Amino acid sequence: MNASVFSEPFTPRGVAAFARVSFNRLLLAQFIFALLGGIVVAWLFYRCYFPVIQTAIDNLPDDGSIHSAQLHWSGDLQNKLAENDFLALDVDMDHSGQLRSSTADFQIEFGRKSIRIFSLFGYVDLFYLRNQTMPFNRPELDPLWKAWRAIILFFIVVMTSIALLISWSLLATMYFLPVWLLGFFANRDLDLRASWKLSGAALLPGALLMIAGILLYGLGFIGLVPLGFIFGAHFVLQWLYLFFGSMFLSRNSAATPKGNPFESSRKSKE
């Protein structure tokens, strides 16, 4: 069964094979998928969000700052800085609503005392910190952004990969007891240790589906709502692989009765 671990990684039989391999081999597979996920998320930011940020910085005035929990702005009270189908950035000192984007999935609006973030779920206000001092002008922000954007991309890759590995460990810990019970009642050769490894492996096909969804979203083939459906579907796919992967395990021969146990006692009496 070990031979199918990497030759059939996306089949229920291949997922079941992870129950018999070492933890290191499972962690290696998870690390590869987590790194791939981190790279794809960083690519999404680089392709869809970073150009908007750069354009917004280019459209900032020569002076402006955030200090004493307030935005000090010398331009118009309402100013659209940059926008595409994914992100819109603007300044609306009073959050008047006049610059509400009709196309962008997310909108970040800088007001006098708070940053208002819009999405499909409404909006949330993030108030400036009283001890926060930050430039809000082109001459200062442009060199800072160009110096830090590569580091930010690297940080996105690392943090996304770590977050995926942690979440997969937590999910495997949630799933392995039900998987063990399923194997027990289905008379499968599956202990608790193998159940945890199978649960961890069953998460990988769903992760690949989510990665594909992010790629399609970043390329503009699907919108944010279909991406949300893919997010839900990737959990369903995990559950399907948990069930069918368990069914591909060999039966527990120790639990299989060998002949009629009363036959030998009858013969001894005779």
C-alpha atoms as a PDB file:
ATOM      1  CA  MET A   1       0.000   0.000   0.000  1.00  0.00           C
ATOM      2  CA  ASN A   2       2.924   2.380   0.636  1.00  0.00           C
ATOM      3  CA  ALA A   3       3.764   2.474  -3.046  1.00  0.00           C
ATOM      4  CA  SER A   4       0.500   4.274  -3.814  1.00  0.00           C
ATOM      5  CA  VAL A   5       1.107   7.132  -1.384  1.00  0.00           C
ATOM      6  CA  PHE A   6       2.616   9.443  -3.983  1.00  0.00           C
ATOM      7  CA  SER A   7       1.577   7.633  -7.170  1.00  0.00           C
ATOM      8  CA  GLU A   8      -2.141   8.065  -6.295  1.00  0.00           C
ATOM      9  CA  PRO A   9      -2.225  10.996  -3.858  1.00  0.00           C
ATOM     10  CA  PHE A  10      -5.693  12.182  -4.849  1.00  0.00           C
ATOM     11  CA  THR A  11      -7.608   8.903  -4.801  1.00  0.00           C
ATOM     12  CA  PRO A  12      -9.299   7.370  -1.742  1.00  0.00           C
ATOM     13  CA  ARG A  13      -6.887   4.421  -2.016  1.00  0.00           C
ATOM     14  CA  GLY A  14      -3.914   6.794  -2.033  1.00  0.00           C
ATOM     15  CA  VAL A  15      -5.280   8.690   1.002  1.00  0.00           C
ATOM     16  CA  ALA A  16      -5.817   5.381   2.811  1.00  0.00           C
ATOM     17  CA  ALA A  17      -2.169   4.500   2.175  1.00  0.00           C
ATOM     18  CA  PHE A  18      -1.089   7.383   4.405  1.00  0.00           C
ATOM     19  CA  ALA A  19      -2.465   5.477   7.391  1.00  0.00           C
ATOM     20  CA  ARG A  20       0.475   3.063   7.026  1.00  0.00           C
ATOM     21  CA  VAL A  21       3.331   5.522   6.457  1.00  0.00           C
ATOM     22  CA  SER A  22       5.412   7.422   8.988  1.00  0.00           C
ATOM     23  CA  PHE A  23       4.399  10.781  10.405  1.00  0.00           C
ATOM     24  CA  ASN A  24       7.398  12.369   8.682  1.00  0.00           C
ATOM     25  CA  ARG A  25       6.128  11.273   5.275  1.00  0.00           C
ATOM     26  CA  LEU A  26       2.693  12.717   5.971  1.00  0.00           C
ATOM     27  CA  LEU A  27       4.205  15.972   7.235  1.00  0.00           C
ATOM     28  CA  LEU A  28       6.340  16.196   4.095  1.00  0.00           C
ATOM     29  CA  ALA A  29       3.245  15.911   1.896  1.00  0.00           C
ATOM     30  CA  GLN A  30       1.406  18.487   4.016  1.00  0.00           C
ATOM     31  CA  PHE A  31       4.380  20.844   3.886  1.00  0.00           C
ATOM     32  CA  ILE A  32       4.463  20.674   0.063  1.00  0.00           C
ATOM     33  CA  PHE A  33       0.740  21.454  -0.157  1.00  0.00           C
ATOM     34  CA  ALA A  34       1.003  24.229   2.457  1.00  0.00           C
ATOM     35  CA  LEU A  35       3.910  25.832   0.590  1.00  0.00           C
ATOM     36  CA  LEU A  36       1.945  25.633  -2.658  1.00  0.00           C
ATOM     37  CA  GLY A  37      -1.024  27.275  -0.936  1.00  0.00           C
ATOM     38  CA  GLY A  38       1.191  30.045   0.445  1.00  0.00           C
ATOM     39  CA  ILE A  39       2.689  30.733  -2.979  1.00  0.00           C
ATOM     40  CA  VAL A  40      -0.758  30.909  -4.607  1.00  0.00           C
ATOM     41  CA  VAL A  41      -2.068  33.332  -1.958  1.00  0.00           C
ATOM     42  CA  ALA A  42       1.028  35.522  -2.402  1.00  0.00           C
ATOM     43  CA  TRP A  43       0.481  35.413  -6.169  1.00  0.00           C
ATOM     44  CA  LEU A  44      -3.119  36.563  -5.630  1.00  0.00           C
ATOM     45  CA  PHE A  45      -1.935  39.580  -3.643  1.00  0.00           C
ATOM     46  CA  TYR A  46       0.796  40.372  -6.162  1.00  0.00           C
ATOM     47  CA  ARG A  47      -1.514  40.178  -9.172  1.00  0.00           C
ATOM     48  CA  CYS A  48      -4.774  41.587  -7.826  1.00  0.00           C
ATOM     49  CA  TYR A  49      -4.026  43.886  -4.882  1.00  0.00           C
ATOM     50  CA  PHE A  50      -0.479  45.200  -5.167  1.00  0.00           C
ATOM     51  CA  PRO A  51      -1.083  47.140  -8.442  1.00  0.00           C
ATOM     52  CA  VAL A  52      -4.003  48.961  -6.806  1.00  0.00           C
ATOM     53  CA  ILE A  53      -1.863  49.858  -3.803  1.00  0.00           C
ATOM     54  CA  GLN A  54       0.898  51.207  -6.045  1.00  0.00           C
ATOM     55  CA  THR A  55      -1.561  53.291  -8.084  1.00  0.00           C
ATOM     56  CA  ALA A  56      -3.143  54.643  -4.893  1.00  0.00           C
ATOM     57  CA  ILE A  57       0.260  55.713  -3.563  1.00  0.00           C
ATOM     58  CA  ASP A  58       1.032  57.412  -6.884  1.00  0.00           C
ATOM     59  CA  ASN A  59      -2.209  59.414  -6.515  1.00  0.00           C
ATOM     60  CA  LEU A  60      -1.481  60.626  -2.989  1.00  0.00           C
ATOM     61  CA  PRO A  61      -0.592  64.293  -2.441  1.00  0.00           C
ATOM     62  CA  ASP A  62       2.850  65.483  -1.380  1.00  0.00           C
ATOM     63  CA  ASP A  63       1.831  65.949   2.235  1.00  0.00           C
ATOM     64  CA  GLY A  64      -0.453  64.090   4.640  1.00  0.00           C
ATOM     65  CA  SER A  65      -0.149  61.876   7.711  1.00  0.00           C
ATOM     66  CA  ILE A  66      -1.994  59.892  10.348  1.00  0.00           C
ATOM     67  CA  HIS A  67      -1.258  60.987  13.906  1.00  0.00           C
ATOM     68  CA  SER A  68      -3.140  61.690  17.133  1.00  0.00           C
ATOM     69  CA  ALA A  69      -5.829  59.177  16.032  1.00  0.00           C
ATOM     70  CA  GLN A  70      -6.743  61.284  13.010  1.00  0.00           C
ATOM     71  CA  LEU A  71      -6.019  61.517   9.293  1.00  0.00           C
ATOM     72  CA  HIS A  72      -4.547  64.847   8.269  1.00  0.00           C
ATOM     73  CA  TRP A  73      -5.342  65.240   4.578  1.00  0.00           C
ATOM     74  CA  SER A  74      -4.825  68.195   2.280  1.00  0.00           C
ATOM     75  CA  GLY A  75      -6.752  66.910  -0.749  1.00  0.00           C
ATOM     76  CA  ASP A  76     -10.449  66.785  -1.561  1.00  0.00           C
ATOM     77  CA  LEU A  77     -12.790  65.451   1.103  1.00  0.00           C
ATOM     78  CA  GLN A  78     -13.720  62.603  -1.262  1.00  0.00           C
ATOM     79  CA  ASN A  79     -10.958  61.196  -3.455  1.00  0.00           C
ATOM     80  CA  LYS A  80     -10.924  57.854  -5.275  1.00  0.00           C
ATOM     81  CA  LEU A  81      -7.304  56.723  -5.269  1.00  0.00           C
ATOM     82  CA  ALA A  82      -7.364  53.442  -7.229  1.00  0.00           C
ATOM     83  CA  GLU A  83      -9.726  50.594  -8.104  1.00  0.00           C
ATOM     84  CA  ASN A  84     -10.023  47.296  -9.967  1.00  0.00           C
ATOM     85  CA  ASP A  85     -12.442  44.352  -9.722  1.00  0.00           C
ATOM     86  CA  PHE A  86     -10.764  43.083  -6.559  1.00  0.00           C
ATOM     87  CA  LEU A  87      -9.908  46.131  -4.467  1.00  0.00           C
ATOM     88  CA  ALA A  88     -10.800  49.819  -4.254  1.00  0.00           C
ATOM     89  CA  LEU A  89      -8.919  52.413  -2.207  1.00  0.00           C
ATOM     90  CA  ASP A  90     -10.274  55.886  -1.508  1.00  0.00           C
ATOM     91  CA  VAL A  91     -10.344  58.757   0.931  1.00  0.00           C
ATOM     92  CA  ASP A  92     -13.700  59.937   2.273  1.00  0.00           C
ATOM     93  CA  MET A  93     -13.036  62.063   5.317  1.00  0.00           C
ATOM     94  CA  ASP A  94     -16.622  61.825   6.626  1.00  0.00           C
ATOM     95  CA  HIS A  95     -17.503  58.359   5.249  1.00  0.00           C
ATOM     96  CA  SER A  96     -20.272  59.999   3.254  1.00  0.00           C
ATOM     97  CA  GLY A  97     -20.846  56.951   1.033  1.00  0.00           C
ATOM     98  CA  GLN A  98     -20.431  58.926  -2.185  1.00  0.00           C
ATOM     99  CA  LEU A  99     -17.444  56.835  -3.309  1.00  0.00           C
ATOM    100  CA  ARG A 100     -18.948  53.397  -2.663  1.00  0.00           C
ATOM    101  CA  SER A 101     -17.525  51.023  -5.280  1.00  0.00           C
ATOM    102  CA  SER A 102     -19.982  48.969  -7.340  1.00  0.00           C
ATOM    103  CA  THR A 103     -17.402  46.588  -8.835  1.00  0.00           C
ATOM    104  CA  ALA A 104     -14.640  45.863  -6.323  1.00  0.00           C
ATOM    105  CA  ASP A 105     -15.005  42.884  -3.986  1.00  0.00           C
ATOM    106  CA  PHE A 106     -13.296  44.832  -1.200  1.00  0.00           C
ATOM    107  CA  GLN A 107     -13.078  48.551  -0.553  1.00  0.00           C
ATOM    108  CA  ILE A 108     -10.787  50.264   1.938  1.00  0.00           C
ATOM    109  CA  GLU A 109     -11.845  53.810   2.752  1.00  0.00           C
ATOM    110  CA  PHE A 110      -9.689  56.167   4.790  1.00  0.00           C
ATOM    111  CA  GLY A 111     -11.766  58.559   6.872  1.00  0.00           C
ATOM    112  CA  ARG A 112     -10.945  61.283   9.322  1.00  0.00           C
ATOM    113  CA  LYS A 113     -10.895  59.023  12.377  1.00  0.00           C
ATOM    114  CA  SER A 114     -11.149  55.471  11.048  1.00  0.00           C
ATOM    115  CA  ILE A 115     -10.523  53.093   8.169  1.00  0.00           C
ATOM    116  CA  ARG A 116     -13.765  51.567   6.865  1.00  0.00           C
ATOM    117  CA  ILE A 117     -13.469  48.193   5.124  1.00  0.00           C
ATOM    118  CA  PHE A 118     -16.380  47.144   2.892  1.00  0.00           C
ATOM    119  CA  SER A 119     -17.135  43.606   1.691  1.00  0.00           C
ATOM    120  CA  LEU A 120     -20.114  41.412   0.840  1.00  0.00           C
ATOM    121  CA  PHE A 121     -20.838  41.149   4.559  1.00  0.00           C
ATOM    122  CA  GLY A 122     -21.131  44.902   5.110  1.00  0.00           C
ATOM    123  CA  TYR A 123     -18.404  47.014   6.639  1.00  0.00           C
ATOM    124  CA  VAL A 124     -16.227  47.299   9.707  1.00  0.00           C
ATOM    125  CA  ASP A 125     -14.487  50.364  11.130  1.00  0.00           C
ATOM    126  CA  LEU A 126     -10.898  50.260  12.343  1.00  0.00           C
ATOM    127  CA  PHE A 127     -10.081  53.358  14.369  1.00  0.00           C
ATOM    128  CA  TYR A 128      -6.656  54.950  14.247  1.00  0.00           C
ATOM    129  CA  LEU A 129      -4.525  54.436  17.323  1.00  0.00           C
ATOM    130  CA  ARG A 130      -3.816  57.501  19.399  1.00  0.00           C
ATOM    131  CA  ASN A 131      -0.090  56.754  19.569  1.00  0.00           C
ATOM    132  CA  GLN A 132       0.133  55.831  15.873  1.00  0.00           C
ATOM    133  CA  THR A 133       2.122  58.010  13.506  1.00  0.00           C
ATOM    134  CA  MET A 134       2.155  57.079   9.831  1.00  0.00           C
ATOM    135  CA  PRO A 135       2.937  58.958   6.623  1.00  0.00           C
ATOM    136  CA  PHE A 136       0.070  59.328   4.177  1.00  0.00           C
ATOM    137  CA  ASN A 137       1.753  61.011   1.245  1.00  0.00           C
ATOM    138  CA  ARG A 138       3.483  59.949  -1.966  1.00  0.00           C
ATOM    139  CA  PRO A 139       7.073  61.083  -1.249  1.00  0.00           C
ATOM    140  CA  GLU A 140       7.312  59.008   1.948  1.00  0.00           C
ATOM    141  CA  LEU A 141       5.092  56.009   1.178  1.00  0.00           C
ATOM    142  CA  ASP A 142       6.371  55.265  -2.338  1.00  0.00           C
ATOM    143  CA  PRO A 143       9.959  54.312  -1.350  1.00  0.00           C
ATOM    144  CA  LEU A 144       8.684  52.460   1.733  1.00  0.00           C
ATOM    145  CA  TRP A 145       6.267  50.391  -0.335  1.00  0.00           C
ATOM    146  CA  LYS A 146       8.834  49.534  -2.980  1.00  0.00           C
ATOM    147  CA  ALA A 147      11.333  48.496  -0.309  1.00  0.00           C
ATOM    148  CA  TRP A 148       8.892  46.313   1.636  1.00  0.00           C
ATOM    149  CA  ARG A 149       6.621  44.710  -0.955  1.00  0.00           C
ATOM    150  CA  ALA A 150       8.965  41.768  -1.642  1.00  0.00           C
ATOM    151  CA  ILE A 151       9.312  41.166   2.097  1.00  0.00           C
ATOM    152  CA  ILE A 152       5.526  41.354   2.466  1.00  0.00           C
ATOM    153  CA  LEU A 153       5.104  38.694  -0.243  1.00  0.00           C
ATOM    154  CA  PHE A 154       7.591  36.429   1.523  1.00  0.00           C
ATOM    155  CA  PHE A 155       5.762  37.015   4.810  1.00  0.00           C
ATOM    156  CA  ILE A 156       2.453  36.062   3.151  1.00  0.00           C
ATOM    157  CA  VAL A 157       3.949  32.784   1.877  1.00  0.00           C
ATOM    158  CA  VAL A 158       5.396  31.887   5.282  1.00  0.00           C
ATOM    159  CA  MET A 159       2.369  32.851   7.371  1.00  0.00           C
ATOM    160  CA  THR A 160      -0.120  31.178   5.011  1.00  0.00           C
ATOM    161  CA  SER A 161       1.924  27.965   5.022  1.00  0.00           C
ATOM    162  CA  ILE A 162       2.168  27.951   8.820  1.00  0.00           C
ATOM    163  CA  ALA A 163      -1.550  28.717   9.178  1.00  0.00           C
ATOM    164  CA  LEU A 164      -2.445  25.823   6.864  1.00  0.00           C
ATOM    165  CA  LEU A 165      -0.238  23.358   8.735  1.00  0.00           C
ATOM    166  CA  ILE A 166      -1.726  24.395  12.073  1.00  0.00           C
ATOM    167  CA  SER A 167      -5.310  24.250  10.787  1.00  0.00           C
ATOM    168  CA  TRP A 168      -4.736  20.806   9.244  1.00  0.00           C
ATOM    169  CA  SER A 169      -3.350  19.515  12.556  1.00  0.00           C
ATOM    170  CA  LEU A 170      -6.413  20.829  14.390  1.00  0.00           C
ATOM    171  CA  LEU A 171      -8.828  19.378  11.833  1.00  0.00           C
ATOM    172  CA  ALA A 172      -7.095  15.998  11.876  1.00  0.00           C
ATOM    173  CA  THR A 173      -7.404  16.013  15.673  1.00  0.00           C
ATOM    174  CA  MET A 174     -11.129  16.740  15.319  1.00  0.00           C
ATOM    175  CA  TYR A 175     -11.682  14.055  12.689  1.00  0.00           C
ATOM    176  CA  PHE A 176      -9.581  11.112  13.815  1.00  0.00           C
ATOM    177  CA  LEU A 177     -11.950   9.790  16.505  1.00  0.00           C
ATOM    178  CA  PRO A 178     -14.974   9.626  14.147  1.00  0.00           C
ATOM    179  CA  VAL A 179     -12.714   8.019  11.534  1.00  0.00           C
ATOM    180  CA  TRP A 180     -11.548   5.438  14.071  1.00  0.00           C
ATOM    181  CA  LEU A 181     -15.160   4.663  15.034  1.00  0.00           C
ATOM    182  CA  LEU A 182     -16.073   4.303  11.365  1.00  0.00           C
ATOM    183  CA  GLY A 183     -13.191   1.902  10.866  1.00  0.00           C
ATOM    184  CA  PHE A 184     -14.140  -0.030  13.997  1.00  0.00           C
ATOM    185  CA  PHE A 185     -17.738  -0.619  12.922  1.00  0.00           C
ATOM    186  CA  ALA A 186     -16.660  -1.345   9.336  1.00  0.00           C
ATOM    187  CA  ASN A 187     -14.162  -3.917  10.686  1.00  0.00           C
ATOM    188  CA  ARG A 188     -11.117  -2.098   9.233  1.00  0.00           C
ATOM    189  CA  ASP A 189      -7.540  -2.469  10.383  1.00  0.00           C
ATOM    190  CA  LEU A 190      -7.291   1.025  11.844  1.00  0.00           C
ATOM    191  CA  ASP A 191      -5.943   2.185  15.196  1.00  0.00           C
ATOM    192  CA  LEU A 192      -5.979   5.708  16.639  1.00  0.00           C
ATOM    193  CA  ARG A 193      -2.530   6.595  15.302  1.00  0.00           C
ATOM    194  CA  ALA A 194      -3.418   5.471  11.782  1.00  0.00           C
ATOM    195  CA  SER A 195      -6.775   7.303  12.030  1.00  0.00           C
ATOM    196  CA  TRP A 196      -4.999  10.591  12.690  1.00  0.00           C
ATOM    197  CA  LYS A 197      -2.667  10.103   9.715  1.00  0.00           C
ATOM    198  CA  LEU A 198      -5.543   9.178   7.419  1.00  0.00           C
ATOM    199  CA  SER A 199      -7.469  12.249   8.624  1.00  0.00           C
ATOM    200  CA  GLY A 200      -4.480  14.472   7.896  1.00  0.00           C
ATOM    201  CA  ALA A 201      -4.070  13.028   4.409  1.00  0.00           C
ATOM    202  CA  ALA A 202      -7.787  13.396   3.592  1.00  0.00           C
ATOM    203  CA  LEU A 203      -7.438  17.176   3.951  1.00  0.00           C
ATOM    204  CA  LEU A 204      -5.018  17.472   1.022  1.00  0.00           C
ATOM    205  CA  PRO A 205      -7.441  16.934  -1.911  1.00  0.00           C
ATOM    206  CA  GLY A 206      -9.739  19.598  -0.449  1.00  0.00           C
ATOM    207  CA  ALA A 207      -6.758  21.935  -0.103  1.00  0.00           C
ATOM    208  CA  LEU A 208      -5.938  21.388  -3.769  1.00  0.00           C
ATOM    209  CA  LEU A 209      -9.531  22.293  -4.698  1.00  0.00           C
ATOM    210  CA  MET A 210      -9.241  25.508  -2.689  1.00  0.00           C
ATOM    211  CA  ILE A 211      -5.919  26.358  -4.338  1.00  0.00           C
ATOM    212  CA  ALA A 212      -7.527  25.872  -7.761  1.00  0.00           C
ATOM    213  CA  GLY A 213     -10.398  28.136  -6.697  1.00  0.00           C
ATOM    214  CA  ILE A 214      -8.000  30.911  -5.664  1.00  0.00           C
ATOM    215  CA  LEU A 215      -6.221  30.621  -9.020  1.00  0.00           C
ATOM    216  CA  LEU A 216      -9.520  30.889 -10.911  1.00  0.00           C
ATOM    217  CA  TYR A 217     -10.544  33.887  -8.786  1.00  0.00           C
ATOM    218  CA  GLY A 218      -7.211  35.636  -9.290  1.00  0.00           C
ATOM    219  CA  LEU A 219      -7.414  35.097 -13.059  1.00  0.00           C
ATOM    220  CA  GLY A 220     -10.926  36.554 -13.136  1.00  0.00           C
ATOM    221  CA  PHE A 221     -12.738  33.390 -14.219  1.00  0.00           C
ATOM    222  CA  ILE A 222     -14.914  33.308 -11.092  1.00  0.00           C
ATOM    223  CA  GLY A 223     -16.092  35.898  -8.606  1.00  0.00           C
ATOM    224  CA  LEU A 224     -16.009  36.093  -4.832  1.00  0.00           C
ATOM    225  CA  VAL A 225     -19.364  34.309  -4.371  1.00  0.00           C
ATOM    226  CA  PRO A 226     -18.337  31.202  -6.398  1.00  0.00           C
ATOM    227  CA  LEU A 227     -15.071  31.209  -4.458  1.00  0.00           C
ATOM    228  CA  GLY A 228     -17.131  31.063  -1.278  1.00  0.00           C
ATOM    229  CA  PHE A 229     -18.982  28.007  -2.613  1.00  0.00           C
ATOM    230  CA  ILE A 230     -15.636  26.369  -3.403  1.00  0.00           C
ATOM    231  CA  PHE A 231     -14.530  27.101   0.161  1.00  0.00           C
ATOM    232  CA  GLY A 232     -17.563  25.207   1.471  1.00  0.00           C
ATOM    233  CA  ALA A 233     -17.154  22.418  -1.077  1.00  0.00           C
ATOM    234  CA  HIS A 234     -13.563  21.778  -0.046  1.00  0.00           C
ATOM    235  CA  PHE A 235     -14.798  20.728   3.417  1.00  0.00           C
ATOM    236  CA  VAL A 236     -17.349  18.364   1.862  1.00  0.00           C
ATOM    237  CA  LEU A 237     -14.573  16.865  -0.264  1.00  0.00           C
ATOM    238  CA  GLN A 238     -12.527  16.266   2.877  1.00  0.00           C
ATOM    239  CA  TRP A 239     -15.402  14.371   4.496  1.00  0.00           C
ATOM    240  CA  LEU A 240     -15.870  12.233   1.380  1.00  0.00           C
ATOM    241  CA  TYR A 241     -12.195  11.294   1.378  1.00  0.00           C
ATOM    242  CA  LEU A 242     -12.370  10.511   5.088  1.00  0.00           C
ATOM    243  CA  PHE A 243     -15.220   8.063   4.493  1.00  0.00           C
ATOM    244  CA  PHE A 244     -14.065   6.410   1.273  1.00  0.00           C
ATOM    245  CA  GLY A 245     -10.436   6.394   2.367  1.00  0.00           C
ATOM    246  CA  SER A 246     -11.435   4.383   5.430  1.00  0.00           C
ATOM    247  CA  MET A 247     -13.275   1.895   3.235  1.00  0.00           C
ATOM    248  CA  PHE A 248     -10.113   1.191   1.220  1.00  0.00           C
ATOM    249  CA  LEU A 249      -8.267  -0.059   4.283  1.00  0.00           C
ATOM    250  CA  SER A 250      -7.885  -3.800   4.667  1.00  0.00           C
ATOM    251  CA  ARG A 251     -10.273  -5.671   6.925  1.00  0.00           C
ATOM    252  CA  ASN A 252      -9.208  -6.508  10.435  1.00  0.00           C
ATOM    253  CA  SER A 253      -8.364 -10.214  10.200  1.00  0.00           C
ATOM    254  CA  ALA A 254      -8.083 -10.527  13.974  1.00  0.00           C
ATOM    255  CA  ALA A 255     -11.776  -9.742  14.287  1.00  0.00           C
ATOM    256  CA  THR A 256     -12.854 -12.224  11.617  1.00  0.00           C
ATOM    257  CA  PRO A 257     -14.207 -15.496  13.104  1.00  0.00           C
ATOM    258  CA  LYS A 258     -12.337 -18.580  11.943  1.00  0.00           C
ATOM    259  CA  GLY A 259     -14.870 -21.369  11.494  1.00  0.00           C
ATOM    260  CA  ASN A 260     -17.455 -22.543  14.014  1.00  0.00           C
ATOM    261  CA  PRO A 261     -16.111 -22.157  17.577  1.00  0.00           C
ATOM    262  CA  PHE A 262     -18.523 -24.851  18.835  1.00  0.00           C
ATOM    263  CA  GLU A 263     -17.391 -27.460  16.314  1.00  0.00           C
ATOM    264  CA  SER A 264     -14.155 -28.357  18.150  1.00  0.00           C
ATOM    265  CA  SER A 265     -15.903 -28.673  21.530  1.00  0.00           C
ATOM    266  CA  ARG A 266     -18.530 -31.010  20.004  1.00  0.00           C
ATOM    267  CA  LYS A 267     -15.805 -33.235  18.564  1.00  0.00           C
ATOM    268  CA  SER A 268     -13.943 -33.408  21.871  1.00  0.00           C
ATOM    269  CA  LYS A 269     -17.056 -34.629  23.650  1.00  0.00           C
ATOM    270  CA  GLU A 270     -17.503 -37.361  21.103  1.00  0.00           C
END
